[in-house]
């Protein structure tokens, strides 16, 4: 059964530059276009390019995360429409097609700048240390986002929200607004309930290192060695 797209999904399409799409049937037909547009937009927020243009790397990083969330929202809807449930996608992660290796370019390759002297997330550390490419960083962050527990589902499991209320929140939220913030602002959740769910969501996040193991990017020994160096690096920036 074809379903109309939500306002959030329409806004995600606009952000990715995909137009004339109003239901799930049209969304499936535009799947290849979505992939191409995501790659194009991700490349435009590359931190190397930010430095070359005198741009703000943190702002470009934020733009990438917005693009990534929009892309994964739409791809998740496509999978659901095709009969692949969200929870199934969390358990079974399909390896990246081998053809993608041929598509890599210098722009999507290894970092070329100076290693930043600041606290980093693990995937960022691996990228700046030239252990993974920019494309692998994008794929890992997208994989983690897609597989993290959803705030709406977690609130429903606690009987704090119903399915109809979740849909109401999605319709009411602004395109760039987080679901939890929209739920609080519209009186569906309290601030403390939202904080509790966010803490639980963080605890339940799949470790991003698992992506590199699943896809054969590095073995467990190499991953653990990198993790040790990463923790040592970030220990220099602990608050005194």
Protein backbone atom coordinates (compact mmCIF):
# COMPACT_ATOMS: atom_id res chain seq x y z
CA UNK A 1 0.00 0.00 0.00
CA UNK A 2 1.38 3.39 -1.05
CA UNK A 3 1.47 6.00 1.69
CA UNK A 4 1.82 9.78 1.46
CA UNK A 5 5.08 11.21 2.75
CA UNK A 6 5.22 13.06 6.05
CA UNK A 7 6.25 16.71 6.22
CA UNK A 8 9.57 15.63 7.72
CA UNK A 9 10.21 13.32 4.76
CA UNK A 10 9.26 16.05 2.28
CA UNK A 11 11.66 18.44 4.00
CA UNK A 12 14.39 15.77 3.86
CA UNK A 13 13.82 15.45 0.10
CA UNK A 14 14.11 19.22 -0.31
CA UNK A 15 17.39 19.23 1.63
CA UNK A 16 18.79 16.56 -0.69
CA UNK A 17 17.53 18.39 -3.79
CA UNK A 18 15.04 15.71 -4.89
CA UNK A 19 11.71 17.09 -6.11
CA UNK A 20 8.33 15.89 -7.44
CA UNK A 21 8.02 13.07 -4.94
CA UNK A 22 4.82 12.80 -2.90
CA UNK A 23 4.29 9.15 -1.92
CA UNK A 24 6.28 6.02 -1.08
CA UNK A 25 5.92 4.63 -4.62
CA UNK A 26 7.63 7.68 -6.11
CA UNK A 27 10.21 7.58 -3.32
CA UNK A 28 11.22 4.02 -4.27
CA UNK A 29 11.58 5.06 -7.92
CA UNK A 30 13.94 7.85 -6.86
CA UNK A 31 16.14 5.62 -4.68
CA UNK A 32 19.13 5.80 -7.06
CA UNK A 33 18.77 9.58 -7.31
CA UNK A 34 18.75 9.83 -3.50
CA UNK A 35 22.02 7.91 -3.32
CA UNK A 36 23.65 10.14 -5.93
CA UNK A 37 22.43 13.33 -4.26
CA UNK A 38 23.63 12.15 -0.87
CA UNK A 39 27.12 11.42 -2.22
CA UNK A 40 27.20 14.82 -3.92
CA UNK A 41 26.09 16.68 -0.79
CA UNK A 42 28.46 14.70 1.45
CA UNK A 43 31.36 15.56 -0.83
CA UNK A 44 30.49 19.27 -0.66
CA UNK A 45 30.82 19.19 3.16
CA UNK A 46 34.25 17.54 3.10
CA UNK A 47 36.47 19.17 5.80
CA UNK A 48 39.41 19.33 3.37
CA UNK A 49 37.30 21.54 1.14
CA UNK A 50 36.31 23.69 4.10
CA UNK A 51 39.97 24.42 4.80
CA UNK A 52 40.69 25.15 1.13
CA UNK A 53 37.79 27.58 0.90
CA UNK A 54 38.40 29.20 4.26
CA UNK A 55 35.11 27.76 5.53
CA UNK A 56 34.15 26.61 9.00
CA UNK A 57 34.81 22.83 9.38
CA UNK A 58 32.44 22.52 12.37
CA UNK A 59 29.61 24.14 10.41
CA UNK A 60 30.24 21.81 7.49
CA UNK A 61 30.30 18.84 9.89
CA UNK A 62 26.91 19.93 11.21
CA UNK A 63 25.61 20.26 7.64
CA UNK A 64 26.80 16.74 6.88
CA UNK A 65 24.97 15.33 9.89
CA UNK A 66 21.73 17.04 8.75
CA UNK A 67 22.20 15.58 5.27
CA UNK A 68 22.98 12.14 6.70
CA UNK A 69 19.90 12.12 8.94
CA UNK A 70 17.67 13.20 6.05
CA UNK A 71 19.11 10.48 3.81
CA UNK A 72 18.72 7.74 6.40
CA UNK A 73 15.17 8.83 7.23
CA UNK A 74 14.21 8.40 3.58
CA UNK A 75 16.14 5.15 3.07
CA UNK A 76 14.52 3.70 6.18
CA UNK A 77 11.08 4.58 4.76
CA UNK A 78 12.02 2.88 1.48
CA UNK A 79 13.09 -0.28 3.34
CA UNK A 80 9.86 -0.33 5.33
CA UNK A 81 7.80 0.08 2.15
CA UNK A 82 9.71 -2.79 0.56
CA UNK A 83 8.88 -4.98 3.53
CA UNK A 84 12.16 -4.78 5.45
CA UNK A 85 11.37 -3.82 9.02
CA UNK A 86 13.45 -1.37 11.03
CA UNK A 87 14.23 -3.93 13.72
CA UNK A 88 15.34 -6.47 11.09
CA UNK A 89 17.77 -3.93 9.68
CA UNK A 90 19.31 -3.55 13.15
CA UNK A 91 20.13 -7.26 13.37
CA UNK A 92 21.19 -7.99 9.81
CA UNK A 93 23.51 -5.45 8.21
CA UNK A 94 24.19 -6.04 4.55
CA UNK A 95 27.84 -5.55 3.48
CA UNK A 96 28.67 -2.64 1.19
CA UNK A 97 28.61 -3.68 -2.50
CA UNK A 98 32.10 -4.30 -3.88
CA UNK A 99 31.40 -1.91 -6.74
CA UNK A 100 31.65 1.00 -4.29
CA UNK A 101 35.41 0.50 -4.04
CA UNK A 102 35.72 1.41 -7.70
CA UNK A 103 33.75 4.61 -7.19
CA UNK A 104 36.18 6.06 -4.62
CA UNK A 105 38.08 9.12 -5.70
CA UNK A 106 40.81 11.25 -4.20
CA UNK A 107 38.16 13.60 -2.81
CA UNK A 108 36.53 10.72 -0.94
CA UNK A 109 39.84 9.21 0.13
CA UNK A 110 42.15 9.69 3.08
CA UNK A 111 42.53 12.92 5.04
CA UNK A 112 45.36 15.16 3.87
CA UNK A 113 45.50 17.91 6.47
CA UNK A 114 47.08 18.29 9.88
CA UNK A 115 45.82 16.15 12.75
CA UNK A 116 43.50 18.35 14.91
CA UNK A 117 44.59 19.06 18.47
CA UNK A 118 41.18 18.64 20.13
CA UNK A 119 38.86 16.03 21.59
CA UNK A 120 37.38 13.79 18.89
CA UNK A 121 34.80 11.08 18.39
CA UNK A 122 36.26 7.65 17.56
CA UNK A 123 35.27 7.64 13.88
CA UNK A 124 36.66 11.17 13.45
CA UNK A 125 39.91 10.06 15.09
CA UNK A 126 40.23 7.16 12.66
CA UNK A 127 39.63 9.50 9.71
CA UNK A 128 42.15 12.11 10.83
CA UNK A 129 44.67 9.34 11.54
CA UNK A 130 44.19 8.10 7.95
CA UNK A 131 42.92 4.72 9.17
CA UNK A 132 39.67 5.14 7.18
CA UNK A 133 38.60 7.22 4.17
CA UNK A 134 36.06 10.04 4.16
CA UNK A 135 33.57 7.75 2.41
CA UNK A 136 34.01 5.11 5.11
CA UNK A 137 33.50 7.77 7.78
CA UNK A 138 30.23 8.84 6.12
CA UNK A 139 29.05 5.24 5.79
CA UNK A 140 29.92 4.42 9.41
CA UNK A 141 28.08 7.46 10.81
CA UNK A 142 25.06 6.71 8.61
CA UNK A 143 25.07 3.05 9.68
CA UNK A 144 25.18 4.02 13.36
CA UNK A 145 22.36 6.55 12.90
CA UNK A 146 20.17 4.05 11.05
CA UNK A 147 20.69 1.38 13.70
CA UNK A 148 20.22 3.49 16.81
CA UNK A 149 16.95 3.09 18.76
CA UNK A 150 14.35 5.71 17.86
CA UNK A 151 13.17 8.14 20.54
CA UNK A 152 9.53 7.69 19.55
CA UNK A 153 9.75 3.90 19.79
CA UNK A 154 11.50 4.08 23.15
CA UNK A 155 8.84 6.44 24.53
CA UNK A 156 6.13 4.12 23.20
CA UNK A 157 7.77 1.13 24.91
CA UNK A 158 7.57 3.06 28.17
CA UNK A 159 3.88 3.86 27.47
CA UNK A 160 4.71 7.58 27.39
CA UNK A 161 3.58 7.97 23.77
CA UNK A 162 1.10 6.21 21.51
CA UNK A 163 1.56 5.60 17.77
CA UNK A 164 -0.92 8.37 16.96
CA UNK A 165 0.97 10.81 19.21
CA UNK A 166 4.26 9.91 17.50
CA UNK A 167 2.69 10.76 14.13
CA UNK A 168 1.36 14.03 15.56
CA UNK A 169 4.84 15.01 16.74
CA UNK A 170 6.35 14.19 13.34
CA UNK A 171 3.75 16.41 11.64
CA UNK A 172 4.27 19.26 14.13
CA UNK A 173 8.07 19.28 14.23
CA UNK A 174 10.04 21.69 12.07
CA UNK A 175 12.38 20.24 9.44
CA UNK A 176 15.57 20.90 11.41
CA UNK A 177 14.06 20.19 14.84
CA UNK A 178 14.90 17.06 16.82
CA UNK A 179 12.03 14.69 17.61
CA UNK A 180 12.62 14.89 21.37
CA UNK A 181 12.60 18.68 21.38
CA UNK A 182 9.39 18.75 19.34
CA UNK A 183 7.80 16.26 21.75
CA UNK A 184 8.70 18.47 24.73
CA UNK A 185 7.73 21.77 23.10
CA UNK A 186 4.32 20.40 22.13
CA UNK A 187 3.59 18.93 25.56
CA UNK A 188 3.86 15.23 24.71
CA UNK A 189 6.90 14.55 26.91
CA UNK A 190 8.38 16.25 29.94
CA UNK A 191 11.96 17.52 29.90
CA UNK A 192 13.00 14.80 32.34
CA UNK A 193 11.32 12.06 30.27
CA UNK A 194 13.15 13.28 27.19
CA UNK A 195 16.49 13.35 29.02
CA UNK A 196 15.94 9.83 30.33
CA UNK A 197 15.24 8.53 26.82
CA UNK A 198 18.28 10.33 25.38
CA UNK A 199 20.51 8.79 28.06
CA UNK A 200 19.09 5.34 27.31
CA UNK A 201 19.48 5.91 23.56
CA UNK A 202 23.15 6.77 24.02
CA UNK A 203 23.70 3.61 26.08
CA UNK A 204 22.01 1.46 23.43
CA UNK A 205 23.87 2.91 20.44
CA UNK A 206 25.76 0.26 18.51
CA UNK A 207 29.51 0.92 18.87
CA UNK A 208 30.72 2.42 15.61
CA UNK A 209 33.77 0.16 15.67
CA UNK A 210 31.46 -2.75 14.87
CA UNK A 211 30.85 -1.24 11.43
CA UNK A 212 34.55 -1.52 10.56
CA UNK A 213 34.60 -5.16 11.71
CA UNK A 214 31.41 -6.12 9.84
CA UNK A 215 32.67 -4.61 6.60
CA UNK A 216 36.20 -5.98 6.88
CA UNK A 217 37.81 -2.52 7.03
CA UNK A 218 39.95 -3.60 9.99
CA UNK A 219 40.32 -6.66 12.20
CA UNK A 220 39.65 -6.72 15.94
CA UNK A 221 43.33 -6.38 16.87
CA UNK A 222 43.77 -3.28 14.72
CA UNK A 223 40.50 -1.84 16.00
CA UNK A 224 41.53 -2.33 19.63
CA UNK A 225 44.93 -0.76 18.98
CA UNK A 226 43.27 2.28 17.42
CA UNK A 227 40.78 2.47 20.28
CA UNK A 228 43.62 2.53 22.81
CA UNK A 229 45.39 5.35 20.98
CA UNK A 230 42.09 7.22 20.66
CA UNK A 231 41.42 7.04 24.41
CA UNK A 232 44.97 8.21 25.09
CA UNK A 233 44.48 11.16 22.71
CA UNK A 234 41.18 12.25 24.30
CA UNK A 235 42.57 11.85 27.83
CA UNK A 236 44.65 14.96 27.17
CA UNK A 237 41.47 17.04 26.96
CA UNK A 238 39.72 15.94 30.15
CA UNK A 239 38.50 18.75 32.31
CA UNK A 240 40.69 19.39 35.31
